[in-house]
Amino acid sequence: MKKLINIFTSIALLCALALTLTVTTFAATPAVADGARTSVRAEEFQSSFFPEKLPANPLTGGAFLSVLLYAANNDLTEVVIPYTIPYQNGMKEQITEALKTALNDSYRFPEYCNYLRKISYSTVVNEGGFSIVLNLAAHDGNTAEMIERRHQANAKAVEIYSGLCRSGAITDGMSQKEIAEVLVKWVVDNTTYVDDGTRIGHTAYGVFFNKIGVCDGYTSALNLLLRQAGINCQGRKGRVGGVCHEWTIAVLDGDVVNIDATTCESNFDRYFAISDNAIAKTHIW
């Protein structure tokens, strides 16, 4: 229990989770409100969520999340988004709020979106409408290096999963829950919870190559491995003990369950493949 408390204390020190949008100015994303949790149905998960093209005239958080996923999938650091509607009063505020929502919602996909979380945009108005130029960069280090780390982490997930299959740890006939248990235990056994003060600790790369990470690093690594098994999953951002936290929700054998890889190290049975009602005893979202 002491170890678990120390983990959550450490999480408090990095509660920012690097949610940064560089426009003019705006307030930080509000903390998750008590009692604000929502459930996710199995049919809401998508095995393929990268859009093939940019959405038309994005003005909502959901539309801009598609923009961020499109950029991540195509290694873009600049995205020019043309609008075919006139630029009206209040649109700057609307776009800024929508981008804030998209950045917050992108924690559903930390394995792809956590590498470039420093975002800015500019607006160009013309007679036929307007365009915004969205720029994505790394918080620390070289942006190109962070993109390369994302590629390396994706490739490493393939290597790790293949190795577990060759070793017999994962075999044909295993249920998705049994496979997920193997993958969570791999993450727990090969990772030490350490905040090294860099963005790398928030990524799957930090877990796979440096053997250290924080909550969204654990979640990112696990999500990549689960996807190798064809298991639909996403990140869930919330709070534990009043501090920011992230864990995985996945569809295992048809059931939507929560997996908190960070805390599985201290109490595996309590935080592996449990229902919303069960995890709500300690987690808020």
Protein backbone atom coordinates (compact mmCIF):
# COMPACT_ATOMS: atom_id res chain seq x y z
CA MET A 1 0.00 0.00 0.00
CA LYS A 2 2.88 2.35 0.77
CA LYS A 3 4.27 1.76 -2.71
CA LEU A 4 0.88 2.55 -4.24
CA ILE A 5 0.65 5.79 -2.26
CA ASN A 6 4.14 6.76 -3.42
CA ILE A 7 3.12 6.17 -7.03
CA PHE A 8 0.08 8.43 -6.74
CA THR A 9 2.19 11.06 -4.94
CA SER A 10 4.61 11.00 -7.86
CA ILE A 11 1.73 11.31 -10.31
CA ALA A 12 0.76 14.57 -8.63
CA LEU A 13 4.11 16.07 -9.59
CA LEU A 14 3.39 15.57 -13.30
CA CYS A 15 -0.33 16.31 -13.25
CA ALA A 16 0.09 18.77 -16.12
CA LEU A 17 0.26 15.78 -18.52
CA ALA A 18 1.58 18.32 -21.03
CA LEU A 19 -1.77 19.59 -22.26
CA THR A 20 -0.45 22.66 -24.07
CA LEU A 21 -2.03 24.66 -26.83
CA THR A 22 -0.11 27.75 -27.92
CA VAL A 23 -2.59 30.21 -29.31
CA THR A 24 -3.12 33.60 -27.76
CA THR A 25 -4.07 32.56 -24.22
CA PHE A 26 -6.59 30.27 -22.58
CA ALA A 27 -7.23 28.55 -19.28
CA ALA A 28 -5.99 25.04 -18.62
CA THR A 29 -8.38 22.17 -19.22
CA PRO A 30 -10.63 21.82 -16.16
CA ALA A 31 -10.05 18.87 -13.88
CA VAL A 32 -12.45 15.96 -14.14
CA ALA A 33 -15.49 16.75 -12.02
CA ASP A 34 -16.65 14.37 -9.34
CA GLY A 35 -19.53 12.28 -10.62
CA ALA A 36 -18.72 13.12 -14.25
CA ARG A 37 -17.77 9.57 -15.26
CA THR A 38 -19.28 8.04 -18.37
CA SER A 39 -19.30 4.44 -19.51
CA VAL A 40 -18.12 3.23 -22.91
CA ARG A 41 -19.94 0.46 -24.79
CA ALA A 42 -18.04 -2.22 -26.68
CA GLU A 43 -19.53 -1.09 -30.00
CA GLU A 44 -18.06 2.39 -29.48
CA PHE A 45 -14.52 1.06 -29.86
CA GLN A 46 -13.00 1.20 -33.31
CA SER A 47 -10.33 -1.17 -34.54
CA SER A 48 -9.43 1.42 -37.19
CA PHE A 49 -9.58 5.05 -36.06
CA PHE A 50 -7.04 6.88 -38.24
CA PRO A 51 -8.95 9.06 -40.72
CA GLU A 52 -8.03 8.75 -44.38
CA LYS A 53 -8.47 12.48 -44.94
CA LEU A 54 -8.95 15.68 -42.98
CA PRO A 55 -12.50 16.50 -41.87
CA ALA A 56 -14.25 19.34 -43.68
CA ASN A 57 -14.57 22.63 -41.79
CA PRO A 58 -13.65 21.25 -38.32
CA LEU A 59 -15.18 23.26 -35.49
CA THR A 60 -15.72 20.63 -32.78
CA GLY A 61 -13.46 18.72 -30.45
CA GLY A 62 -14.29 15.47 -32.22
CA ALA A 63 -13.38 16.90 -35.62
CA PHE A 64 -10.07 18.26 -34.34
CA LEU A 65 -9.29 14.93 -32.68
CA SER A 66 -9.54 13.45 -36.17
CA VAL A 67 -7.10 16.13 -37.33
CA LEU A 68 -4.62 15.19 -34.58
CA LEU A 69 -4.90 11.48 -35.40
CA TYR A 70 -4.48 12.22 -39.10
CA ALA A 71 -1.34 14.22 -38.31
CA ALA A 72 0.05 11.47 -36.07
CA ASN A 73 -0.58 8.75 -38.64
CA ASN A 74 1.11 10.77 -41.37
CA ASP A 75 3.99 12.21 -39.29
CA LEU A 76 2.84 15.77 -39.96
CA THR A 77 4.20 18.70 -37.98
CA GLU A 78 2.14 21.23 -39.94
CA VAL A 79 -1.45 20.81 -41.07
CA VAL A 80 -3.17 23.38 -43.30
CA ILE A 81 -6.93 23.14 -42.90
CA PRO A 82 -9.00 25.04 -45.49
CA TYR A 83 -12.52 26.16 -44.57
CA THR A 84 -15.22 26.81 -47.12
CA ILE A 85 -17.37 28.80 -44.70
CA PRO A 86 -16.96 32.48 -43.87
CA TYR A 87 -14.91 33.54 -40.88
CA GLN A 88 -17.32 34.95 -38.31
CA ASN A 89 -17.12 36.63 -34.94
CA GLY A 90 -16.47 34.14 -32.19
CA MET A 91 -14.81 31.57 -34.42
CA LYS A 92 -11.39 32.13 -32.88
CA GLU A 93 -12.80 31.25 -29.47
CA GLN A 94 -14.75 28.32 -30.89
CA ILE A 95 -11.71 26.85 -32.61
CA THR A 96 -9.53 27.38 -29.55
CA GLU A 97 -12.04 25.62 -27.29
CA ALA A 98 -12.44 22.80 -29.81
CA LEU A 99 -8.68 22.30 -29.96
CA LYS A 100 -8.48 22.21 -26.17
CA THR A 101 -11.17 19.54 -26.13
CA ALA A 102 -9.36 17.58 -28.85
CA LEU A 103 -6.07 17.70 -26.95
CA ASN A 104 -7.79 16.45 -23.84
CA ASP A 105 -9.59 13.72 -25.79
CA SER A 106 -6.35 12.68 -27.49
CA TYR A 107 -5.42 10.94 -24.24
CA ARG A 108 -7.66 8.19 -25.57
CA PHE A 109 -4.72 7.52 -27.91
CA PRO A 110 -1.59 8.39 -25.89
CA GLU A 111 0.45 5.79 -27.76
CA TYR A 112 0.19 7.99 -30.86
CA CYS A 113 -0.51 11.51 -29.60
CA ASN A 114 1.87 11.89 -26.65
CA TYR A 115 4.98 12.54 -28.74
CA LEU A 116 3.94 15.94 -30.10
CA ARG A 117 1.72 17.78 -27.64
CA LYS A 118 2.91 21.36 -28.14
CA ILE A 119 0.39 22.85 -30.53
CA SER A 120 -0.10 26.29 -32.01
CA TYR A 121 -2.21 27.63 -34.83
CA SER A 122 -2.64 30.72 -36.96
CA THR A 123 -5.56 31.89 -39.07
CA VAL A 124 -5.52 33.20 -42.64
CA VAL A 125 -8.76 34.84 -43.83
CA ASN A 126 -9.52 35.20 -47.54
CA GLU A 127 -12.53 36.04 -49.69
CA GLY A 128 -13.76 32.46 -50.11
CA GLY A 129 -13.40 31.49 -46.47
CA PHE A 130 -10.34 31.00 -44.32
CA SER A 131 -7.65 28.51 -43.37
CA ILE A 132 -5.88 27.62 -40.17
CA VAL A 133 -2.30 26.39 -40.01
CA LEU A 134 -1.85 23.93 -37.17
CA ASN A 135 1.70 23.29 -35.95
CA LEU A 136 2.69 20.33 -33.78
CA ALA A 137 6.00 20.05 -31.95
CA ALA A 138 7.74 18.23 -29.12
CA HIS A 139 7.81 19.77 -25.66
CA ASP A 140 11.42 18.81 -25.12
CA GLY A 141 14.06 17.61 -27.50
CA ASN A 142 13.90 17.53 -31.27
CA THR A 143 10.51 17.11 -32.92
CA ALA A 144 11.94 14.88 -35.64
CA GLU A 145 13.51 12.68 -32.96
CA MET A 146 10.18 12.31 -31.16
CA ILE A 147 8.50 11.24 -34.40
CA GLU A 148 11.25 8.67 -34.91
CA ARG A 149 10.75 7.43 -31.34
CA ARG A 150 7.08 6.88 -32.13
CA HIS A 151 8.09 4.70 -35.10
CA GLN A 152 10.58 2.80 -32.96
CA ALA A 153 7.99 2.19 -30.23
CA ASN A 154 5.48 0.88 -32.77
CA ALA A 155 8.08 -1.49 -34.21
CA LYS A 156 9.16 -2.58 -30.73
CA ALA A 157 5.59 -3.52 -29.84
CA VAL A 158 5.53 -5.86 -32.85
CA GLU A 159 8.85 -7.37 -31.75
CA ILE A 160 7.77 -7.86 -28.13
CA TYR A 161 4.44 -9.43 -29.04
CA SER A 162 6.06 -11.74 -31.58
CA GLY A 163 8.61 -12.78 -28.97
CA LEU A 164 5.89 -13.62 -26.46
CA CYS A 165 4.19 -15.77 -29.09
CA ARG A 166 7.42 -17.59 -30.00
CA SER A 167 8.21 -18.24 -26.33
CA GLY A 168 4.82 -19.86 -25.76
CA ALA A 169 3.67 -17.18 -23.32
CA ILE A 170 0.86 -16.42 -25.79
CA THR A 171 -0.68 -19.36 -27.61
CA ASP A 172 -3.60 -20.13 -29.89
CA GLY A 173 -6.78 -20.76 -28.00
CA MET A 174 -6.09 -18.25 -25.23
CA SER A 175 -8.92 -15.87 -24.40
CA GLN A 176 -8.39 -12.14 -24.87
CA LYS A 177 -8.35 -11.74 -21.09
CA GLU A 178 -5.59 -14.35 -20.78
CA ILE A 179 -3.57 -12.60 -23.50
CA ALA A 180 -4.10 -9.22 -21.84
CA GLU A 181 -2.87 -10.63 -18.54
CA VAL A 182 0.38 -11.74 -20.19
CA LEU A 183 0.83 -8.30 -21.76
CA VAL A 184 0.10 -6.36 -18.57
CA LYS A 185 2.54 -8.52 -16.64
CA TRP A 186 5.18 -7.89 -19.31
CA VAL A 187 4.74 -4.12 -18.92
CA VAL A 188 4.80 -4.33 -15.12
CA ASP A 189 7.83 -6.66 -15.01
CA ASN A 190 9.84 -4.56 -17.46
CA THR A 191 9.02 -1.04 -16.25
CA THR A 192 9.90 1.03 -13.20
CA TYR A 193 7.68 3.96 -12.30
CA VAL A 194 10.03 6.94 -12.63
CA ASP A 195 9.34 10.51 -13.65
CA ASP A 196 12.57 11.53 -15.37
CA GLY A 197 11.24 15.03 -16.05
CA THR A 198 11.02 14.51 -19.81
CA ARG A 199 8.20 13.85 -22.23
CA ILE A 200 9.74 10.49 -23.10
CA GLY A 201 8.50 9.10 -19.80
CA HIS A 202 4.95 9.72 -21.03
CA THR A 203 5.42 7.49 -24.09
CA ALA A 204 5.64 3.84 -24.99
CA TYR A 205 9.20 4.54 -26.16
CA GLY A 206 10.22 5.34 -22.58
CA VAL A 207 8.81 2.01 -21.39
CA PHE A 208 10.16 -0.12 -24.23
CA PHE A 209 13.66 1.36 -24.48
CA ASN A 210 14.40 3.11 -21.18
CA LYS A 211 12.40 0.72 -18.97
CA ILE A 212 10.84 3.65 -17.09
CA GLY A 213 7.66 5.64 -17.38
CA VAL A 214 4.71 7.32 -15.71
CA CYS A 215 1.02 6.49 -15.97
CA ASP A 216 0.46 7.47 -19.59
CA GLY A 217 3.74 5.79 -20.53
CA TYR A 218 2.49 2.51 -19.03
CA THR A 219 -0.85 3.01 -20.75
CA SER A 220 0.76 3.78 -24.11
CA ALA A 221 2.94 0.67 -24.00
CA LEU A 222 0.08 -1.58 -22.98
CA ASN A 223 -2.24 -0.19 -25.65
CA LEU A 224 0.30 -0.84 -28.41
CA LEU A 225 0.73 -4.41 -27.22
CA LEU A 226 -3.00 -5.01 -26.93
CA ARG A 227 -3.48 -3.78 -30.48
CA GLN A 228 -0.96 -6.38 -31.65
CA ALA A 229 -3.36 -9.00 -30.31
CA GLY A 230 -6.29 -7.38 -32.12
CA ILE A 231 -7.74 -6.15 -28.84
CA ASN A 232 -9.62 -2.86 -29.09
CA CYS A 233 -8.53 -0.42 -26.42
CA GLN A 234 -8.03 3.23 -25.58
CA GLY A 235 -6.74 5.41 -22.80
CA ARG A 236 -8.92 6.86 -20.07
CA LYS A 237 -7.88 10.08 -18.32
CA GLY A 238 -9.10 10.83 -14.82
CA ARG A 239 -7.99 11.25 -11.24
CA VAL A 240 -6.93 9.04 -8.36
CA GLY A 241 -6.70 10.52 -4.91
CA GLY A 242 -7.24 13.97 -6.41
CA VAL A 243 -4.32 13.77 -8.86
CA CYS A 244 -4.23 13.25 -12.62
CA HIS A 245 -3.94 9.69 -13.83
CA GLU A 246 -4.42 7.58 -16.95
CA TRP A 247 -5.18 3.93 -17.52
CA THR A 248 -6.53 1.60 -20.22
CA ILE A 249 -10.04 0.54 -21.10
CA ALA A 250 -10.28 -2.46 -23.40
CA VAL A 251 -12.79 -4.88 -24.86
CA LEU A 252 -11.84 -8.37 -23.60
CA ASP A 253 -14.00 -11.22 -24.82
CA GLY A 254 -16.87 -8.81 -25.43
CA ASP A 255 -16.71 -7.01 -22.08
CA VAL A 256 -15.48 -3.44 -21.60
CA VAL A 257 -13.02 -3.48 -18.69
CA ASN A 258 -10.49 -1.20 -17.02
CA ILE A 259 -6.81 -2.08 -16.75
CA ASP A 260 -4.57 0.20 -14.69
CA ALA A 261 -1.13 -1.08 -15.59
CA THR A 262 0.55 1.47 -13.33
CA THR A 263 -1.11 0.14 -10.18
CA CYS A 264 -1.24 -3.51 -11.25
CA GLU A 265 2.32 -3.74 -9.95
CA SER A 266 1.06 -3.21 -6.42
CA ASN A 267 -2.30 -4.99 -6.60
CA PHE A 268 -2.81 -6.90 -9.84
CA ASP A 269 -6.17 -8.48 -9.12
CA ARG A 270 -7.68 -5.20 -7.94
CA TYR A 271 -6.79 -3.24 -11.08
CA PHE A 272 -6.74 -5.79 -13.91
CA ALA A 273 -9.79 -6.22 -16.13
CA ILE A 274 -12.33 -4.74 -13.73
CA SER A 275 -15.66 -3.05 -14.32
CA ASP A 276 -16.39 0.67 -14.20
CA ASN A 277 -18.21 0.20 -10.90
CA ALA A 278 -15.22 -1.60 -9.39
CA ILE A 279 -12.58 0.90 -10.47
CA ALA A 280 -14.83 3.84 -9.55
CA LYS A 281 -14.09 3.03 -5.91
CA THR A 282 -10.64 4.60 -6.39
CA HIS A 283 -10.72 6.32 -9.81
CA ILE A 284 -12.75 9.29 -11.09
CA TRP A 285 -13.25 10.22 -14.75
